[in-house]
Amino acid sequence: MFFISDAWAQTADAAAGGMNGFLVQIVPIILIFVVFWFFLIRPQQKRQKEHQKMCEALAKGDEVITVGGLAGRIADVNDKYIVIEISHVNDKAVTITMQRAAVQTVLPRGTLKSI
């Protein structure tokens, strides 16, 4: 009762398929990379470019929602920062300063009044 079979040396005919065996191993890796590129990397790059365009186009008076969920109107715009008016208390505006990249969505005008 032997559970381990004998090991036999590989013949010359089986060893000759080295390049073919390499292609069989490398083709699936290349195929997986191509699938990742078209379904993950490329769409993410496209979304990132659209977000960057949106952040560059921010202007005073735009109504926005931040990544943190705050909704407000842009009161001032600088190179890297924006000032968002989020509320009024005793007829004074409550503002916060955030980075431009923290803006998630630009809302259509008049949306804040309907909220």
PDB file of N, CA and C in Angstrom:
ATOM      1  N   MET A   1       0.823  -1.180   0.000  1.00  0.00           N
ATOM      2  CA  MET A   1       0.000   0.000   0.000  1.00  0.00           C
ATOM      3  C   MET A   1       0.869   1.246   0.000  1.00  0.00           C
ATOM      4  N   PHE A   2       1.227   1.636  -1.180  1.00  0.00           N
ATOM      5  CA  PHE A   2       2.011   2.849  -1.306  1.00  0.00           C
ATOM      6  C   PHE A   2       1.122   3.962  -1.845  1.00  0.00           C
ATOM      7  N   PHE A   3       1.106   5.068  -1.133  1.00  0.00           N
ATOM      8  CA  PHE A   3       0.281   6.194  -1.551  1.00  0.00           C
ATOM      9  C   PHE A   3       1.052   7.186  -2.426  1.00  0.00           C
ATOM     10  N   ILE A   4       2.332   7.067  -2.478  1.00  0.00           N
ATOM     11  CA  ILE A   4       3.141   7.978  -3.270  1.00  0.00           C
ATOM     12  C   ILE A   4       3.622   7.230  -4.494  1.00  0.00           C
ATOM     13  N   SER A   5       3.343   7.797  -5.659  1.00  0.00           N
ATOM     14  CA  SER A   5       3.773   7.123  -6.885  1.00  0.00           C
ATOM     15  C   SER A   5       5.216   7.483  -7.194  1.00  0.00           C
ATOM     16  N   ASP A   6       5.813   6.722  -8.068  1.00  0.00           N
ATOM     17  CA  ASP A   6       7.197   6.964  -8.450  1.00  0.00           C
ATOM     18  C   ASP A   6       7.299   8.224  -9.306  1.00  0.00           C
ATOM     19  N   ALA A   7       8.396   8.930  -9.161  1.00  0.00           N
ATOM     20  CA  ALA A   7       8.663  10.121  -9.968  1.00  0.00           C
ATOM     21  C   ALA A   7       9.505   9.702 -11.157  1.00  0.00           C
ATOM     22  N   TRP A   8       9.075  10.090 -12.325  1.00  0.00           N
ATOM     23  CA  TRP A   8       9.785   9.755 -13.545  1.00  0.00           C
ATOM     24  C   TRP A   8      10.356  11.029 -14.159  1.00  0.00           C
ATOM     25  N   ALA A   9      11.487  10.907 -14.758  1.00  0.00           N
ATOM     26  CA  ALA A   9      12.128  12.047 -15.396  1.00  0.00           C
ATOM     27  C   ALA A   9      11.346  12.452 -16.637  1.00  0.00           C
ATOM     28  N   GLN A  10      11.389  13.747 -16.949  1.00  0.00           N
ATOM     29  CA  GLN A  10      10.688  14.276 -18.099  1.00  0.00           C
ATOM     30  C   GLN A  10      11.463  13.938 -19.368  1.00  0.00           C
ATOM     31  N   THR A  11      10.741  13.563 -20.389  1.00  0.00           N
ATOM     32  CA  THR A  11      11.396  13.212 -21.649  1.00  0.00           C
ATOM     33  C   THR A  11      11.728  14.476 -22.433  1.00  0.00           C
ATOM     34  N   ALA A  12      12.541  14.369 -23.441  1.00  0.00           N
ATOM     35  CA  ALA A  12      12.981  15.504 -24.248  1.00  0.00           C
ATOM     36  C   ALA A  12      11.821  16.124 -25.011  1.00  0.00           C
ATOM     37  N   ASP A  13      10.833  15.347 -25.435  1.00  0.00           N
ATOM     38  CA  ASP A  13       9.688  15.878 -26.176  1.00  0.00           C
ATOM     39  C   ASP A  13       8.856  16.818 -25.298  1.00  0.00           C
ATOM     40  N   ALA A  14       8.655  16.497 -24.061  1.00  0.00           N
ATOM     41  CA  ALA A  14       7.859  17.330 -23.163  1.00  0.00           C
ATOM     42  C   ALA A  14       8.605  18.603 -22.779  1.00  0.00           C
ATOM     43  N   ALA A  15       9.926  18.551 -22.704  1.00  0.00           N
ATOM     44  CA  ALA A  15      10.714  19.725 -22.340  1.00  0.00           C
ATOM     45  C   ALA A  15      10.812  20.725 -23.487  1.00  0.00           C
ATOM     46  N   ALA A  16      10.570  20.317 -24.711  1.00  0.00           N
ATOM     47  CA  ALA A  16      10.699  21.191 -25.881  1.00  0.00           C
ATOM     48  C   ALA A  16       9.602  22.249 -25.920  1.00  0.00           C
ATOM     49  N   GLY A  17       8.513  22.096 -25.229  1.00  0.00           N
ATOM     50  CA  GLY A  17       7.392  23.044 -25.262  1.00  0.00           C
ATOM     51  C   GLY A  17       7.561  24.195 -24.298  1.00  0.00           C
ATOM     52  N   GLY A  18       8.763  24.638 -24.013  1.00  0.00           N
ATOM     53  CA  GLY A  18       9.023  25.704 -23.048  1.00  0.00           C
ATOM     54  C   GLY A  18       8.420  27.034 -23.446  1.00  0.00           C
ATOM     55  N   MET A  19       8.584  27.476 -24.682  1.00  0.00           N
ATOM     56  CA  MET A  19       8.055  28.760 -25.129  1.00  0.00           C
ATOM     57  C   MET A  19       6.539  28.722 -25.172  1.00  0.00           C
ATOM     58  N   ASN A  20       5.989  27.609 -25.579  1.00  0.00           N
ATOM     59  CA  ASN A  20       4.538  27.464 -25.613  1.00  0.00           C
ATOM     60  C   ASN A  20       3.975  27.540 -24.195  1.00  0.00           C
ATOM     61  N   GLY A  21       4.646  26.931 -23.242  1.00  0.00           N
ATOM     62  CA  GLY A  21       4.208  26.979 -21.849  1.00  0.00           C
ATOM     63  C   GLY A  21       4.285  28.392 -21.286  1.00  0.00           C
ATOM     64  N   PHE A  22       5.292  29.158 -21.712  1.00  0.00           N
ATOM     65  CA  PHE A  22       5.424  30.546 -21.273  1.00  0.00           C
ATOM     66  C   PHE A  22       4.249  31.381 -21.776  1.00  0.00           C
ATOM     67  N   LEU A  23       3.867  31.185 -23.035  1.00  0.00           N
ATOM     68  CA  LEU A  23       2.734  31.931 -23.587  1.00  0.00           C
ATOM     69  C   LEU A  23       1.436  31.578 -22.880  1.00  0.00           C
ATOM     70  N   VAL A  24       1.277  30.317 -22.535  1.00  0.00           N
ATOM     71  CA  VAL A  24       0.068  29.893 -21.827  1.00  0.00           C
ATOM     72  C   VAL A  24      -0.011  30.567 -20.458  1.00  0.00           C
ATOM     73  N   GLN A  25       1.133  30.851 -19.850  1.00  0.00           N
ATOM     74  CA  GLN A  25       1.142  31.502 -18.536  1.00  0.00           C
ATOM     75  C   GLN A  25       0.979  33.012 -18.643  1.00  0.00           C
ATOM     76  N   ILE A  26       1.539  33.644 -19.652  1.00  0.00           N
ATOM     77  CA  ILE A  26       1.543  35.105 -19.729  1.00  0.00           C
ATOM     78  C   ILE A  26       0.259  35.666 -20.345  1.00  0.00           C
ATOM     79  N   VAL A  27      -0.398  34.958 -21.239  1.00  0.00           N
ATOM     80  CA  VAL A  27      -1.605  35.459 -21.892  1.00  0.00           C
ATOM     81  C   VAL A  27      -2.733  35.734 -20.884  1.00  0.00           C
ATOM     82  N   PRO A  28      -3.022  34.872 -19.931  1.00  0.00           N
ATOM     83  CA  PRO A  28      -4.073  35.200 -18.962  1.00  0.00           C
ATOM     84  C   PRO A  28      -3.750  36.437 -18.118  1.00  0.00           C
ATOM     85  N   ILE A  29      -2.489  36.645 -17.798  1.00  0.00           N
ATOM     86  CA  ILE A  29      -2.103  37.827 -17.016  1.00  0.00           C
ATOM     87  C   ILE A  29      -2.354  39.093 -17.824  1.00  0.00           C
ATOM     88  N   ILE A  30      -1.991  39.063 -19.106  1.00  0.00           N
ATOM     89  CA  ILE A  30      -2.238  40.218 -19.974  1.00  0.00           C
ATOM     90  C   ILE A  30      -3.736  40.445 -20.140  1.00  0.00           C
ATOM     91  N   LEU A  31      -4.486  39.390 -20.290  1.00  0.00           N
ATOM     92  CA  LEU A  31      -5.943  39.501 -20.429  1.00  0.00           C
ATOM     93  C   LEU A  31      -6.578  40.101 -19.175  1.00  0.00           C
ATOM     94  N   ILE A  32      -6.126  39.707 -18.016  1.00  0.00           N
ATOM     95  CA  ILE A  32      -6.647  40.266 -16.758  1.00  0.00           C
ATOM     96  C   ILE A  32      -6.318  41.751 -16.675  1.00  0.00           C
ATOM     97  N   PHE A  33      -5.107  42.155 -17.060  1.00  0.00           N
ATOM     98  CA  PHE A  33      -4.736  43.569 -17.042  1.00  0.00           C
ATOM     99  C   PHE A  33      -5.630  44.380 -17.977  1.00  0.00           C
ATOM    100  N   VAL A  34      -5.907  43.858 -19.168  1.00  0.00           N
ATOM    101  CA  VAL A  34      -6.761  44.561 -20.126  1.00  0.00           C
ATOM    102  C   VAL A  34      -8.169  44.729 -19.560  1.00  0.00           C
ATOM    103  N   VAL A  35      -8.698  43.698 -18.935  1.00  0.00           N
ATOM    104  CA  VAL A  35     -10.036  43.778 -18.335  1.00  0.00           C
ATOM    105  C   VAL A  35     -10.049  44.815 -17.211  1.00  0.00           C
ATOM    106  N   PHE A  36      -9.048  44.817 -16.351  1.00  0.00           N
ATOM    107  CA  PHE A  36      -8.966  45.811 -15.284  1.00  0.00           C
ATOM    108  C   PHE A  36      -8.874  47.222 -15.870  1.00  0.00           C
ATOM    109  N   TRP A  37      -8.111  47.383 -16.935  1.00  0.00           N
ATOM    110  CA  TRP A  37      -7.954  48.694 -17.543  1.00  0.00           C
ATOM    111  C   TRP A  37      -9.300  49.232 -18.026  1.00  0.00           C
ATOM    112  N   PHE A  38     -10.066  48.406 -18.748  1.00  0.00           N
ATOM    113  CA  PHE A  38     -11.314  48.892 -19.325  1.00  0.00           C
ATOM    114  C   PHE A  38     -12.451  48.999 -18.316  1.00  0.00           C
ATOM    115  N   PHE A  39     -12.453  48.188 -17.276  1.00  0.00           N
ATOM    116  CA  PHE A  39     -13.569  48.218 -16.335  1.00  0.00           C
ATOM    117  C   PHE A  39     -13.285  48.964 -15.042  1.00  0.00           C
ATOM    118  N   LEU A  40     -12.025  49.189 -14.674  1.00  0.00           N
ATOM    119  CA  LEU A  40     -11.720  49.859 -13.416  1.00  0.00           C
ATOM    120  C   LEU A  40     -10.884  51.122 -13.597  1.00  0.00           C
ATOM    121  N   ILE A  41      -9.741  51.029 -14.226  1.00  0.00           N
ATOM    122  CA  ILE A  41      -8.798  52.137 -14.273  1.00  0.00           C
ATOM    123  C   ILE A  41      -9.313  53.264 -15.172  1.00  0.00           C
ATOM    124  N   ARG A  42      -9.729  52.955 -16.370  1.00  0.00           N
ATOM    125  CA  ARG A  42     -10.163  53.972 -17.327  1.00  0.00           C
ATOM    126  C   ARG A  42     -11.392  54.741 -16.839  1.00  0.00           C
ATOM    127  N   PRO A  43     -12.446  54.092 -16.342  1.00  0.00           N
ATOM    128  CA  PRO A  43     -13.595  54.863 -15.837  1.00  0.00           C
ATOM    129  C   PRO A  43     -13.237  55.745 -14.639  1.00  0.00           C
ATOM    130  N   GLN A  44     -12.342  55.272 -13.764  1.00  0.00           N
ATOM    131  CA  GLN A  44     -11.934  56.076 -12.619  1.00  0.00           C
ATOM    132  C   GLN A  44     -11.173  57.311 -13.067  1.00  0.00           C
ATOM    133  N   GLN A  45     -10.313  57.192 -14.051  1.00  0.00           N
ATOM    134  CA  GLN A  45      -9.589  58.347 -14.569  1.00  0.00           C
ATOM    135  C   GLN A  45     -10.547  59.354 -15.194  1.00  0.00           C
ATOM    136  N   LYS A  46     -11.571  58.853 -15.875  1.00  0.00           N
ATOM    137  CA  LYS A  46     -12.564  59.731 -16.488  1.00  0.00           C
ATOM    138  C   LYS A  46     -13.339  60.498 -15.416  1.00  0.00           C
ATOM    139  N   ARG A  47     -13.764  59.821 -14.345  1.00  0.00           N
ATOM    140  CA  ARG A  47     -14.474  60.496 -13.250  1.00  0.00           C
ATOM    141  C   ARG A  47     -13.589  61.528 -12.579  1.00  0.00           C
ATOM    142  N   GLN A  48     -12.311  61.210 -12.407  1.00  0.00           N
ATOM    143  CA  GLN A  48     -11.372  62.129 -11.774  1.00  0.00           C
ATOM    144  C   GLN A  48     -11.193  63.394 -12.615  1.00  0.00           C
ATOM    145  N   LYS A  49     -11.097  63.263 -13.937  1.00  0.00           N
ATOM    146  CA  LYS A  49     -10.973  64.422 -14.807  1.00  0.00           C
ATOM    147  C   LYS A  49     -12.236  65.274 -14.770  1.00  0.00           C
ATOM    148  N   GLU A  50     -13.411  64.643 -14.747  1.00  0.00           N
ATOM    149  CA  GLU A  50     -14.670  65.396 -14.671  1.00  0.00           C
ATOM    150  C   GLU A  50     -14.768  66.160 -13.355  1.00  0.00           C
ATOM    151  N   HIS A  51     -14.351  65.543 -12.245  1.00  0.00           N
ATOM    152  CA  HIS A  51     -14.385  66.212 -10.948  1.00  0.00           C
ATOM    153  C   HIS A  51     -13.422  67.391 -10.938  1.00  0.00           C
ATOM    154  N   GLN A  52     -12.250  67.227 -11.530  1.00  0.00           N
ATOM    155  CA  GLN A  52     -11.281  68.311 -11.581  1.00  0.00           C
ATOM    156  C   GLN A  52     -11.815  69.480 -12.398  1.00  0.00           C
ATOM    157  N   LYS A  53     -12.486  69.202 -13.531  1.00  0.00           N
ATOM    158  CA  LYS A  53     -13.096  70.258 -14.345  1.00  0.00           C
ATOM    159  C   LYS A  53     -14.165  70.993 -13.545  1.00  0.00           C
ATOM    160  N   MET A  54     -14.996  70.226 -12.802  1.00  0.00           N
ATOM    161  CA  MET A  54     -16.055  70.828 -12.010  1.00  0.00           C
ATOM    162  C   MET A  54     -15.457  71.743 -10.941  1.00  0.00           C
ATOM    163  N   CYS A  55     -14.391  71.298 -10.275  1.00  0.00           N
ATOM    164  CA  CYS A  55     -13.764  72.101  -9.221  1.00  0.00           C
ATOM    165  C   CYS A  55     -13.147  73.372  -9.780  1.00  0.00           C
ATOM    166  N   GLU A  56     -12.592  73.298 -10.983  1.00  0.00           N
ATOM    167  CA  GLU A  56     -12.010  74.488 -11.602  1.00  0.00           C
ATOM    168  C   GLU A  56     -13.074  75.476 -12.044  1.00  0.00           C
ATOM    169  N   ALA A  57     -14.283  74.995 -12.353  1.00  0.00           N
ATOM    170  CA  ALA A  57     -15.353  75.855 -12.857  1.00  0.00           C
ATOM    171  C   ALA A  57     -16.221  76.445 -11.740  1.00  0.00           C
ATOM    172  N   LEU A  58     -15.904  76.181 -10.476  1.00  0.00           N
ATOM    173  CA  LEU A  58     -16.711  76.720  -9.384  1.00  0.00           C
ATOM    174  C   LEU A  58     -16.667  78.239  -9.398  1.00  0.00           C
ATOM    175  N   ALA A  59     -17.824  78.855  -9.162  1.00  0.00           N
ATOM    176  CA  ALA A  59     -17.915  80.313  -9.180  1.00  0.00           C
ATOM    177  C   ALA A  59     -18.786  80.779  -8.019  1.00  0.00           C
ATOM    178  N   LYS A  60     -18.657  82.043  -7.693  1.00  0.00           N
ATOM    179  CA  LYS A  60     -19.443  82.645  -6.626  1.00  0.00           C
ATOM    180  C   LYS A  60     -20.929  82.546  -6.984  1.00  0.00           C
ATOM    181  N   GLY A  61     -21.729  82.102  -6.018  1.00  0.00           N
ATOM    182  CA  GLY A  61     -23.165  81.957  -6.227  1.00  0.00           C
ATOM    183  C   GLY A  61     -23.609  80.544  -6.556  1.00  0.00           C
ATOM    184  N   ASP A  62     -22.687  79.648  -6.892  1.00  0.00           N
ATOM    185  CA  ASP A  62     -23.043  78.259  -7.173  1.00  0.00           C
ATOM    186  C   ASP A  62     -23.529  77.579  -5.898  1.00  0.00           C
ATOM    187  N   GLU A  63     -24.531  76.737  -6.036  1.00  0.00           N
ATOM    188  CA  GLU A  63     -25.034  75.949  -4.913  1.00  0.00           C
ATOM    189  C   GLU A  63     -24.393  74.574  -5.004  1.00  0.00           C
ATOM    190  N   VAL A  64     -23.794  74.137  -3.885  1.00  0.00           N
ATOM    191  CA  VAL A  64     -22.996  72.907  -3.899  1.00  0.00           C
ATOM    192  C   VAL A  64     -23.340  72.016  -2.718  1.00  0.00           C
ATOM    193  N   ILE A  65     -22.971  70.754  -2.861  1.00  0.00           N
ATOM    194  CA  ILE A  65     -22.982  69.789  -1.759  1.00  0.00           C
ATOM    195  C   ILE A  65     -21.548  69.311  -1.602  1.00  0.00           C
ATOM    196  N   THR A  66     -21.058  69.323  -0.374  1.00  0.00           N
ATOM    197  CA  THR A  66     -19.686  68.907  -0.107  1.00  0.00           C
ATOM    198  C   THR A  66     -19.623  67.398   0.106  1.00  0.00           C
ATOM    199  N   VAL A  67     -18.413  66.889   0.179  1.00  0.00           N
ATOM    200  CA  VAL A  67     -18.202  65.461   0.420  1.00  0.00           C
ATOM    201  C   VAL A  67     -18.768  65.071   1.789  1.00  0.00           C
ATOM    202  N   GLY A  68     -18.726  65.996   2.741  1.00  0.00           N
ATOM    203  CA  GLY A  68     -19.249  65.739   4.078  1.00  0.00           C
ATOM    204  C   GLY A  68     -20.757  65.832   4.177  1.00  0.00           C
ATOM    205  N   GLY A  69     -21.430  66.270   3.110  1.00  0.00           N
ATOM    206  CA  GLY A  69     -22.880  66.322   3.099  1.00  0.00           C
ATOM    207  C   GLY A  69     -23.457  67.700   3.377  1.00  0.00           C
ATOM    208  N   LEU A  70     -22.621  68.720   3.543  1.00  0.00           N
ATOM    209  CA  LEU A  70     -23.111  70.076   3.769  1.00  0.00           C
ATOM    210  C   LEU A  70     -23.570  70.683   2.451  1.00  0.00           C
ATOM    211  N   ALA A  71     -24.721  71.357   2.507  1.00  0.00           N
ATOM    212  CA  ALA A  71     -25.231  72.045   1.327  1.00  0.00           C
ATOM    213  C   ALA A  71     -25.153  73.536   1.579  1.00  0.00           C
ATOM    214  N   GLY A  72     -24.724  74.294   0.581  1.00  0.00           N
ATOM    215  CA  GLY A  72     -24.626  75.733   0.740  1.00  0.00           C
ATOM    216  C   GLY A  72     -24.323  76.427  -0.560  1.00  0.00           C
ATOM    217  N   ARG A  73     -24.193  77.745  -0.449  1.00  0.00           N
ATOM    218  CA  ARG A  73     -23.930  78.591  -1.601  1.00  0.00           C
ATOM    219  C   ARG A  73     -22.507  79.141  -1.478  1.00  0.00           C
ATOM    220  N   ILE A  74     -21.785  79.171  -2.576  1.00  0.00           N
ATOM    221  CA  ILE A  74     -20.417  79.665  -2.555  1.00  0.00           C
ATOM    222  C   ILE A  74     -20.448  81.187  -2.426  1.00  0.00           C
ATOM    223  N   ALA A  75     -19.766  81.703  -1.378  1.00  0.00           N
ATOM    224  CA  ALA A  75     -19.710  83.138  -1.126  1.00  0.00           C
ATOM    225  C   ALA A  75     -18.424  83.750  -1.664  1.00  0.00           C
ATOM    226  N   ASP A  76     -17.348  82.975  -1.727  1.00  0.00           N
ATOM    227  CA  ASP A  76     -16.075  83.489  -2.214  1.00  0.00           C
ATOM    228  C   ASP A  76     -15.252  82.326  -2.753  1.00  0.00           C
ATOM    229  N   VAL A  77     -14.447  82.605  -3.761  1.00  0.00           N
ATOM    230  CA  VAL A  77     -13.624  81.577  -4.399  1.00  0.00           C
ATOM    231  C   VAL A  77     -12.179  82.061  -4.445  1.00  0.00           C
ATOM    232  N   ASN A  78     -11.254  81.222  -3.984  1.00  0.00           N
ATOM    233  CA  ASN A  78      -9.815  81.476  -4.092  1.00  0.00           C
ATOM    234  C   ASN A  78      -9.206  80.412  -4.992  1.00  0.00           C
ATOM    235  N   ASP A  79      -7.874  80.386  -5.075  1.00  0.00           N
ATOM    236  CA  ASP A  79      -7.207  79.393  -5.907  1.00  0.00           C
ATOM    237  C   ASP A  79      -7.441  77.970  -5.404  1.00  0.00           C
ATOM    238  N   LYS A  80      -7.280  77.764  -4.097  1.00  0.00           N
ATOM    239  CA  LYS A  80      -7.400  76.416  -3.534  1.00  0.00           C
ATOM    240  C   LYS A  80      -8.609  76.253  -2.618  1.00  0.00           C
ATOM    241  N   TYR A  81      -9.171  77.354  -2.141  1.00  0.00           N
ATOM    242  CA  TYR A  81     -10.235  77.281  -1.144  1.00  0.00           C
ATOM    243  C   TYR A  81     -11.482  78.009  -1.618  1.00  0.00           C
ATOM    244  N   ILE A  82     -12.608  77.603  -1.053  1.00  0.00           N
ATOM    245  CA  ILE A  82     -13.873  78.288  -1.285  1.00  0.00           C
ATOM    246  C   ILE A  82     -14.507  78.576   0.068  1.00  0.00           C
ATOM    247  N   VAL A  83     -15.297  79.633   0.129  1.00  0.00           N
ATOM    248  CA  VAL A  83     -16.056  79.968   1.329  1.00  0.00           C
ATOM    249  C   VAL A  83     -17.514  79.657   1.014  1.00  0.00           C
ATOM    250  N   ILE A  84     -18.109  78.791   1.836  1.00  0.00           N
ATOM    251  CA  ILE A  84     -19.477  78.353   1.606  1.00  0.00           C
ATOM    252  C   ILE A  84     -20.380  78.932   2.686  1.00  0.00           C
ATOM    253  N   GLU A  85     -21.447  79.551   2.249  1.00  0.00           N
ATOM    254  CA  GLU A  85     -22.463  80.090   3.152  1.00  0.00           C
ATOM    255  C   GLU A  85     -23.477  78.970   3.391  1.00  0.00           C
ATOM    256  N   ILE A  86     -23.558  78.507   4.646  1.00  0.00           N
ATOM    257  CA  ILE A  86     -24.411  77.357   4.926  1.00  0.00           C
ATOM    258  C   ILE A  86     -25.698  77.712   5.658  1.00  0.00           C
ATOM    259  N   SER A  87     -25.752  78.914   6.263  1.00  0.00           N
ATOM    260  CA  SER A  87     -26.948  79.285   7.017  1.00  0.00           C
ATOM    261  C   SER A  87     -26.918  80.774   7.318  1.00  0.00           C
ATOM    262  N   HIS A  88     -28.016  81.265   7.922  1.00  0.00           N
ATOM    263  CA  HIS A  88     -28.108  82.650   8.410  1.00  0.00           C
ATOM    264  C   HIS A  88     -28.574  82.606   9.856  1.00  0.00           C
ATOM    265  N   VAL A  89     -27.884  83.333  10.734  1.00  0.00           N
ATOM    266  CA  VAL A  89     -28.274  83.452  12.132  1.00  0.00           C
ATOM    267  C   VAL A  89     -28.287  84.936  12.464  1.00  0.00           C
ATOM    268  N   ASN A  90     -29.447  85.443  12.927  1.00  0.00           N
ATOM    269  CA  ASN A  90     -29.609  86.865  13.244  1.00  0.00           C
ATOM    270  C   ASN A  90     -29.163  87.747  12.072  1.00  0.00           C
ATOM    271  N   ASP A  91     -29.603  87.388  10.895  1.00  0.00           N
ATOM    272  CA  ASP A  91     -29.281  88.111   9.660  1.00  0.00           C
ATOM    273  C   ASP A  91     -27.793  88.183   9.349  1.00  0.00           C
ATOM    274  N   LYS A  92     -27.002  87.283   9.913  1.00  0.00           N
ATOM    275  CA  LYS A  92     -25.584  87.168   9.581  1.00  0.00           C
ATOM    276  C   LYS A  92     -25.355  85.810   8.936  1.00  0.00           C
ATOM    277  N   ALA A  93     -24.546  85.799   7.900  1.00  0.00           N
ATOM    278  CA  ALA A  93     -24.283  84.548   7.198  1.00  0.00           C
ATOM    279  C   ALA A  93     -23.293  83.700   7.991  1.00  0.00           C
ATOM    280  N   VAL A  94     -23.580  82.408   8.080  1.00  0.00           N
ATOM    281  CA  VAL A  94     -22.660  81.452   8.684  1.00  0.00           C
ATOM    282  C   VAL A  94     -21.877  80.828   7.530  1.00  0.00           C
ATOM    283  N   THR A  95     -20.555  81.014   7.561  1.00  0.00           N
ATOM    284  CA  THR A  95     -19.736  80.523   6.454  1.00  0.00           C
ATOM    285  C   THR A  95     -18.666  79.568   6.964  1.00  0.00           C
ATOM    286  N   ILE A  96     -18.240  78.707   6.072  1.00  0.00           N
ATOM    287  CA  ILE A  96     -17.122  77.807   6.344  1.00  0.00           C
ATOM    288  C   ILE A  96     -16.176  77.863   5.151  1.00  0.00           C
ATOM    289  N   THR A  97     -14.913  77.616   5.424  1.00  0.00           N
ATOM    290  CA  THR A  97     -13.909  77.590   4.366  1.00  0.00           C
ATOM    291  C   THR A  97     -13.491  76.143   4.133  1.00  0.00           C
ATOM    292  N   MET A  98     -13.507  75.739   2.865  1.00  0.00           N
ATOM    293  CA  MET A  98     -13.172  74.363   2.498  1.00  0.00           C
ATOM    294  C   MET A  98     -12.284  74.368   1.262  1.00  0.00           C
ATOM    295  N   GLN A  99     -11.632  73.259   1.041  1.00  0.00           N
ATOM    296  CA  GLN A  99     -10.862  73.093  -0.187  1.00  0.00           C
ATOM    297  C   GLN A  99     -11.825  72.898  -1.355  1.00  0.00           C
ATOM    298  N   ARG A 100     -11.390  73.312  -2.516  1.00  0.00           N
ATOM    299  CA  ARG A 100     -12.239  73.141  -3.703  1.00  0.00           C
ATOM    300  C   ARG A 100     -12.555  71.666  -3.967  1.00  0.00           C
ATOM    301  N   ALA A 101     -11.581  70.799  -3.715  1.00  0.00           N
ATOM    302  CA  ALA A 101     -11.763  69.373  -3.996  1.00  0.00           C
ATOM    303  C   ALA A 101     -12.807  68.730  -3.093  1.00  0.00           C
ATOM    304  N   ALA A 102     -13.222  69.430  -2.022  1.00  0.00           N
ATOM    305  CA  ALA A 102     -14.222  68.873  -1.105  1.00  0.00           C
ATOM    306  C   ALA A 102     -15.638  68.998  -1.648  1.00  0.00           C
ATOM    307  N   VAL A 103     -15.812  69.678  -2.762  1.00  0.00           N
ATOM    308  CA  VAL A 103     -17.131  69.804  -3.378  1.00  0.00           C
ATOM    309  C   VAL A 103     -17.429  68.531  -4.146  1.00  0.00           C
ATOM    310  N   GLN A 104     -18.584  67.952  -3.835  1.00  0.00           N
ATOM    311  CA  GLN A 104     -18.974  66.710  -4.504  1.00  0.00           C
ATOM    312  C   GLN A 104     -19.856  66.988  -5.716  1.00  0.00           C
ATOM    313  N   THR A 105     -20.826  67.888  -5.557  1.00  0.00           N
ATOM    314  CA  THR A 105     -21.810  68.122  -6.609  1.00  0.00           C
ATOM    315  C   THR A 105     -22.150  69.603  -6.678  1.00  0.00           C
ATOM    316  N   VAL A 106     -22.341  70.110  -7.877  1.00  0.00           N
ATOM    317  CA  VAL A 106     -22.884  71.444  -8.074  1.00  0.00           C
ATOM    318  C   VAL A 106     -24.366  71.264  -8.373  1.00  0.00           C
ATOM    319  N   LEU A 107     -25.205  71.933  -7.569  1.00  0.00           N
ATOM    320  CA  LEU A 107     -26.647  71.813  -7.704  1.00  0.00           C
ATOM    321  C   LEU A 107     -27.189  72.859  -8.672  1.00  0.00           C
ATOM    322  N   PRO A 108     -28.347  72.600  -9.265  1.00  0.00           N
ATOM    323  CA  PRO A 108     -28.990  73.645 -10.087  1.00  0.00           C
ATOM    324  C   PRO A 108     -29.408  74.816  -9.196  1.00  0.00           C
ATOM    325  N   ARG A 109     -29.402  76.012  -9.754  1.00  0.00           N
ATOM    326  CA  ARG A 109     -29.763  77.206  -8.973  1.00  0.00           C
ATOM    327  C   ARG A 109     -31.191  77.098  -8.447  1.00  0.00           C
ATOM    328  N   GLY A 110     -31.368  77.507  -7.200  1.00  0.00           N
ATOM    329  CA  GLY A 110     -32.682  77.474  -6.564  1.00  0.00           C
ATOM    330  C   GLY A 110     -32.967  76.185  -5.810  1.00  0.00           C
ATOM    331  N   THR A 111     -32.057  75.254  -5.819  1.00  0.00           N
ATOM    332  CA  THR A 111     -32.280  73.975  -5.151  1.00  0.00           C
ATOM    333  C   THR A 111     -32.288  74.131  -3.637  1.00  0.00           C
ATOM    334  N   LEU A 112     -31.445  75.010  -3.108  1.00  0.00           N
ATOM    335  CA  LEU A 112     -31.361  75.172  -1.648  1.00  0.00           C
ATOM    336  C   LEU A 112     -32.661  75.717  -1.063  1.00  0.00           C
ATOM    337  N   LYS A 113     -33.379  76.534  -1.810  1.00  0.00           N
ATOM    338  CA  LYS A 113     -34.643  77.069  -1.302  1.00  0.00           C
ATOM    339  C   LYS A 113     -35.709  75.994  -1.210  1.00  0.00           C
ATOM    340  N   SER A 114     -35.595  74.968  -2.028  1.00  0.00           N
ATOM    341  CA  SER A 114     -36.602  73.900  -2.019  1.00  0.00           C
ATOM    342  C   SER A 114     -36.312  72.831  -0.973  1.00  0.00           C
ATOM    343  N   ILE A 115     -35.110  72.890  -0.374  1.00  0.00           N
ATOM    344  CA  ILE A 115     -34.751  71.882   0.636  1.00  0.00           C
ATOM    345  C   ILE A 115     -35.353  72.262   1.954  1.00  0.00           C
TER     346      ILE A 115
END
